[in-house]
Amino acid sequence: MSDFMPTIAITGEQVRGARAMLRLDQREFAALVHLTLGRVQKMERTRGPIVAAEEVLKAMCGALEEAGIEFIDAGPYEGIGGPGVRLAGPPEVAAEIVDLETAAEEVVEKPQVIPKAS
């Protein structure tokens, strides 16, 4: 068993939901959060909490929050509800907030190396 216990928990379902709310395809979302497309695809396939380095989770949550996403904690789970996401304000397209073209160029020029959890 691993000693890797991040203080931030985000689920694959939350990632998919946040991306859909921002009206982004996976490639645009990868550019927004400065990750590779393959890494985003893997995260979105995850059921439950994503296992990644804490700095990756913090960066991803920060980028999503800056783009207008609010994370909802699971709270006391009693068979209904659970973790989720919602728009923090009026719906806006993330492209109006973040220059996706520049972000995509940065990802291509400097792909982020993500440490694997042990």
Protein backbone atom coordinates (compact mmCIF):
# COMPACT_ATOMS: atom_id res chain seq x y z
CA MET A 1 0.00 0.00 0.00
CA SER A 2 1.21 3.49 -0.81
CA ASP A 3 1.90 6.33 1.59
CA PHE A 4 0.72 8.71 -1.15
CA MET A 5 -2.28 10.56 0.32
CA PRO A 6 -2.97 13.90 -1.36
CA THR A 7 -4.95 16.49 0.56
CA ILE A 8 -6.95 17.34 -2.58
CA ALA A 9 -9.46 14.85 -3.94
CA ILE A 10 -10.98 15.24 -7.38
CA THR A 11 -12.81 12.48 -9.19
CA GLY A 12 -12.81 11.47 -12.83
CA GLU A 13 -16.50 12.28 -12.87
CA GLN A 14 -15.81 15.82 -11.65
CA VAL A 15 -13.20 16.32 -14.38
CA ARG A 16 -15.61 15.15 -17.11
CA GLY A 17 -18.40 17.32 -15.69
CA ALA A 18 -16.21 20.40 -15.39
CA ARG A 19 -15.01 20.02 -18.97
CA ALA A 20 -18.57 19.64 -20.24
CA MET A 21 -19.72 22.73 -18.32
CA LEU A 22 -16.91 24.75 -19.86
CA ARG A 23 -17.86 23.42 -23.32
CA LEU A 24 -14.35 22.20 -24.00
CA ASP A 25 -13.24 19.13 -25.90
CA GLN A 26 -10.51 17.00 -24.35
CA ARG A 27 -7.72 18.65 -26.36
CA GLU A 28 -8.79 22.17 -25.31
CA PHE A 29 -9.16 21.01 -21.72
CA ALA A 30 -5.66 19.48 -21.77
CA ALA A 31 -4.28 22.83 -22.92
CA LEU A 32 -6.22 24.67 -20.22
CA VAL A 33 -4.81 22.52 -17.42
CA HIS A 34 -1.35 22.12 -19.02
CA LEU A 35 -1.48 18.34 -19.26
CA THR A 36 -1.13 15.97 -22.17
CA LEU A 37 -4.24 14.75 -23.95
CA GLY A 38 -3.46 11.17 -22.89
CA ARG A 39 -3.23 12.18 -19.24
CA VAL A 40 -6.61 13.95 -19.39
CA GLN A 41 -8.19 10.91 -21.07
CA LYS A 42 -6.81 8.65 -18.33
CA MET A 43 -8.09 10.96 -15.59
CA GLU A 44 -11.56 11.12 -17.12
CA ARG A 45 -11.74 7.30 -17.26
CA THR A 46 -11.01 7.10 -13.52
CA ARG A 47 -13.95 6.15 -11.34
CA GLY A 48 -13.66 7.95 -8.04
CA PRO A 49 -10.65 9.94 -6.82
CA ILE A 50 -7.81 10.51 -9.28
CA VAL A 51 -4.42 9.36 -8.07
CA ALA A 52 -1.80 11.94 -9.06
CA ALA A 53 0.86 14.10 -7.48
CA GLU A 54 -0.64 16.77 -5.25
CA GLU A 55 0.89 19.60 -7.28
CA VAL A 56 -0.84 18.23 -10.41
CA LEU A 57 -4.20 18.09 -8.61
CA LYS A 58 -3.72 21.62 -7.23
CA ALA A 59 -2.80 23.00 -10.65
CA MET A 60 -5.77 21.31 -12.29
CA CYS A 61 -8.25 22.47 -9.65
CA GLY A 62 -6.82 25.99 -9.80
CA ALA A 63 -7.14 26.18 -13.60
CA LEU A 64 -10.72 24.89 -13.48
CA GLU A 65 -11.69 27.32 -10.72
CA GLU A 66 -10.12 30.20 -12.65
CA ALA A 67 -12.19 29.16 -15.69
CA GLY A 68 -15.39 29.37 -13.60
CA ILE A 69 -15.85 25.93 -12.01
CA GLU A 70 -16.78 25.44 -8.36
CA PHE A 71 -16.11 22.07 -6.74
CA ILE A 72 -18.73 20.55 -4.46
CA ASP A 73 -17.53 18.25 -1.69
CA ALA A 74 -19.32 14.99 -1.09
CA GLY A 75 -20.30 15.96 2.43
CA PRO A 76 -22.04 13.35 4.53
CA TYR A 77 -22.83 10.70 1.96
CA GLU A 78 -26.13 8.95 2.69
CA GLY A 79 -26.82 7.17 -0.57
CA ILE A 80 -27.60 10.28 -2.60
CA GLY A 81 -25.47 13.11 -3.83
CA GLY A 82 -21.72 12.96 -3.72
CA PRO A 83 -18.90 15.10 -5.07
CA GLY A 84 -19.71 17.32 -8.01
CA VAL A 85 -19.06 20.55 -9.88
CA ARG A 86 -21.07 23.59 -10.81
CA LEU A 87 -20.50 26.89 -12.52
CA ALA A 88 -19.40 29.54 -10.03
CA GLY A 89 -21.29 32.23 -11.92
CA PRO A 90 -23.06 32.90 -15.18
CA PRO A 91 -22.12 30.39 -17.92
CA GLU A 92 -19.15 31.56 -19.97
CA VAL A 93 -17.00 29.73 -22.45
CA ALA A 94 -13.51 29.14 -21.05
CA ALA A 95 -11.96 30.43 -24.29
CA GLU A 96 -13.13 33.89 -23.25
CA ILE A 97 -11.19 33.56 -19.98
CA VAL A 98 -8.13 31.59 -21.08
CA ASP A 99 -6.19 31.95 -24.33
CA LEU A 100 -6.43 28.30 -25.39
CA GLU A 101 -4.19 28.76 -28.42
CA THR A 102 -1.30 30.05 -26.30
CA ALA A 103 -1.92 27.38 -23.67
CA ALA A 104 -1.84 24.65 -26.33
CA GLU A 105 1.47 25.98 -27.68
CA GLU A 106 2.96 25.89 -24.17
CA VAL A 107 1.93 22.25 -23.74
CA VAL A 108 3.50 21.29 -27.07
CA GLU A 109 6.71 23.24 -26.36
CA LYS A 110 7.09 22.15 -22.75
CA PRO A 111 5.14 18.97 -22.01
CA GLN A 112 4.69 18.52 -18.29
CA VAL A 113 6.34 15.49 -16.75
CA ILE A 114 4.01 14.07 -14.17
CA PRO A 115 5.57 11.96 -11.42
CA LYS A 116 3.90 8.60 -10.97
CA ALA A 117 2.45 7.77 -7.57
CA SER A 118 4.27 4.92 -5.92
